[in-house]
């Protein structure tokens, strides 16, 4: 598989602070997107938004 990994240090907010690689970025926050999802960017963005919404509204431990 040709997954892509996107990572950022906790507190980073700017696009130039995000790392992108074919293997783990070893950053504090990391997102892996499987290669089968690449062909549908809108659905990938919707899934990322769902994760963000979950973290904002549901998750309470330990990051809340």
C-alpha atoms as a PDB file:
ATOM      1  CA  UNK A   1       0.000   0.000   0.000  1.00  0.00           C
ATOM      2  CA  UNK A   2       1.094   3.555  -0.638  1.00  0.00           C
ATOM      3  CA  UNK A   3      -0.355   5.332   2.357  1.00  0.00           C
ATOM      4  CA  UNK A   4       0.392   8.999   3.005  1.00  0.00           C
ATOM      5  CA  UNK A   5       1.120  10.298   6.494  1.00  0.00           C
ATOM      6  CA  UNK A   6       0.475  13.889   7.551  1.00  0.00           C
ATOM      7  CA  UNK A   7       1.861  15.089  10.858  1.00  0.00           C
ATOM      8  CA  UNK A   8       2.105  18.153  13.042  1.00  0.00           C
ATOM      9  CA  UNK A   9       3.511  19.081  16.412  1.00  0.00           C
ATOM     10  CA  UNK A  10       0.913  19.893  19.065  1.00  0.00           C
ATOM     11  CA  UNK A  11       0.085  23.574  18.711  1.00  0.00           C
ATOM     12  CA  UNK A  12       1.025  23.902  15.031  1.00  0.00           C
ATOM     13  CA  UNK A  13      -1.617  25.769  13.027  1.00  0.00           C
ATOM     14  CA  UNK A  14       0.004  26.756   9.737  1.00  0.00           C
ATOM     15  CA  UNK A  15       0.142  24.667   6.580  1.00  0.00           C
ATOM     16  CA  UNK A  16       3.919  24.973   6.245  1.00  0.00           C
ATOM     17  CA  UNK A  17       4.252  23.298   9.662  1.00  0.00           C
ATOM     18  CA  UNK A  18       2.592  20.080   8.425  1.00  0.00           C
ATOM     19  CA  UNK A  19       4.837  17.244   7.303  1.00  0.00           C
ATOM     20  CA  UNK A  20       3.881  14.788   4.552  1.00  0.00           C
ATOM     21  CA  UNK A  21       5.614  11.472   3.939  1.00  0.00           C
ATOM     22  CA  UNK A  22       5.177   7.908   2.711  1.00  0.00           C
ATOM     23  CA  UNK A  23       5.859   6.588   6.216  1.00  0.00           C
ATOM     24  CA  UNK A  24       5.173   7.777   9.729  1.00  0.00           C
ATOM     25  CA  UNK A  25       6.162  11.373  10.404  1.00  0.00           C
ATOM     26  CA  UNK A  26       6.730  10.614  14.102  1.00  0.00           C
ATOM     27  CA  UNK A  27       4.972  13.838  15.022  1.00  0.00           C
ATOM     28  CA  UNK A  28       2.664  14.193  18.039  1.00  0.00           C
ATOM     29  CA  UNK A  29      -0.432  14.317  15.825  1.00  0.00           C
ATOM     30  CA  UNK A  30      -0.560  12.147  12.740  1.00  0.00           C
ATOM     31  CA  UNK A  31      -3.136  11.220  10.112  1.00  0.00           C
ATOM     32  CA  UNK A  32      -2.756   8.254   7.774  1.00  0.00           C
ATOM     33  CA  UNK A  33      -4.744   8.192   4.550  1.00  0.00           C
ATOM     34  CA  UNK A  34      -4.881   4.906   2.666  1.00  0.00           C
ATOM     35  CA  UNK A  35      -4.060   4.937  -1.025  1.00  0.00           C
ATOM     36  CA  UNK A  36      -7.521   3.652  -1.932  1.00  0.00           C
ATOM     37  CA  UNK A  37      -9.003   6.938  -0.680  1.00  0.00           C
ATOM     38  CA  UNK A  38      -6.831   9.208  -2.830  1.00  0.00           C
ATOM     39  CA  UNK A  39      -9.146   9.152  -5.814  1.00  0.00           C
ATOM     40  CA  UNK A  40     -11.933  10.832  -3.866  1.00  0.00           C
ATOM     41  CA  UNK A  41     -10.601  13.967  -2.180  1.00  0.00           C
ATOM     42  CA  UNK A  42     -14.066  15.312  -1.141  1.00  0.00           C
ATOM     43  CA  UNK A  43     -14.799  12.104   0.771  1.00  0.00           C
ATOM     44  CA  UNK A  44     -11.371  12.186   2.421  1.00  0.00           C
ATOM     45  CA  UNK A  45     -12.003  15.786   3.528  1.00  0.00           C
ATOM     46  CA  UNK A  46     -15.447  14.809   4.853  1.00  0.00           C
ATOM     47  CA  UNK A  47     -13.891  12.001   6.894  1.00  0.00           C
ATOM     48  CA  UNK A  48     -11.261  14.369   8.322  1.00  0.00           C
ATOM     49  CA  UNK A  49     -14.040  16.814   9.249  1.00  0.00           C
ATOM     50  CA  UNK A  50     -15.912  13.975  10.981  1.00  0.00           C
ATOM     51  CA  UNK A  51     -12.802  13.168  13.033  1.00  0.00           C
ATOM     52  CA  UNK A  52     -12.360  16.841  13.926  1.00  0.00           C
ATOM     53  CA  UNK A  53     -16.008  17.102  14.953  1.00  0.00           C
ATOM     54  CA  UNK A  54     -15.659  13.960  17.083  1.00  0.00           C
ATOM     55  CA  UNK A  55     -12.613  15.382  18.879  1.00  0.00           C
ATOM     56  CA  UNK A  56     -14.438  18.657  19.520  1.00  0.00           C
ATOM     57  CA  UNK A  57     -17.723  17.209  20.743  1.00  0.00           C
ATOM     58  CA  UNK A  58     -17.285  13.636  21.968  1.00  0.00           C
ATOM     59  CA  UNK A  59     -13.720  12.978  23.080  1.00  0.00           C
ATOM     60  CA  UNK A  60     -13.098  14.052  26.666  1.00  0.00           C
ATOM     61  CA  UNK A  61     -10.019  12.106  27.702  1.00  0.00           C
ATOM     62  CA  UNK A  62      -7.140  12.828  27.681  1.00  0.00           C
ATOM     63  CA  UNK A  63      -7.057  15.684  25.156  1.00  0.00           C
ATOM     64  CA  UNK A  64     -10.117  17.668  26.222  1.00  0.00           C
END
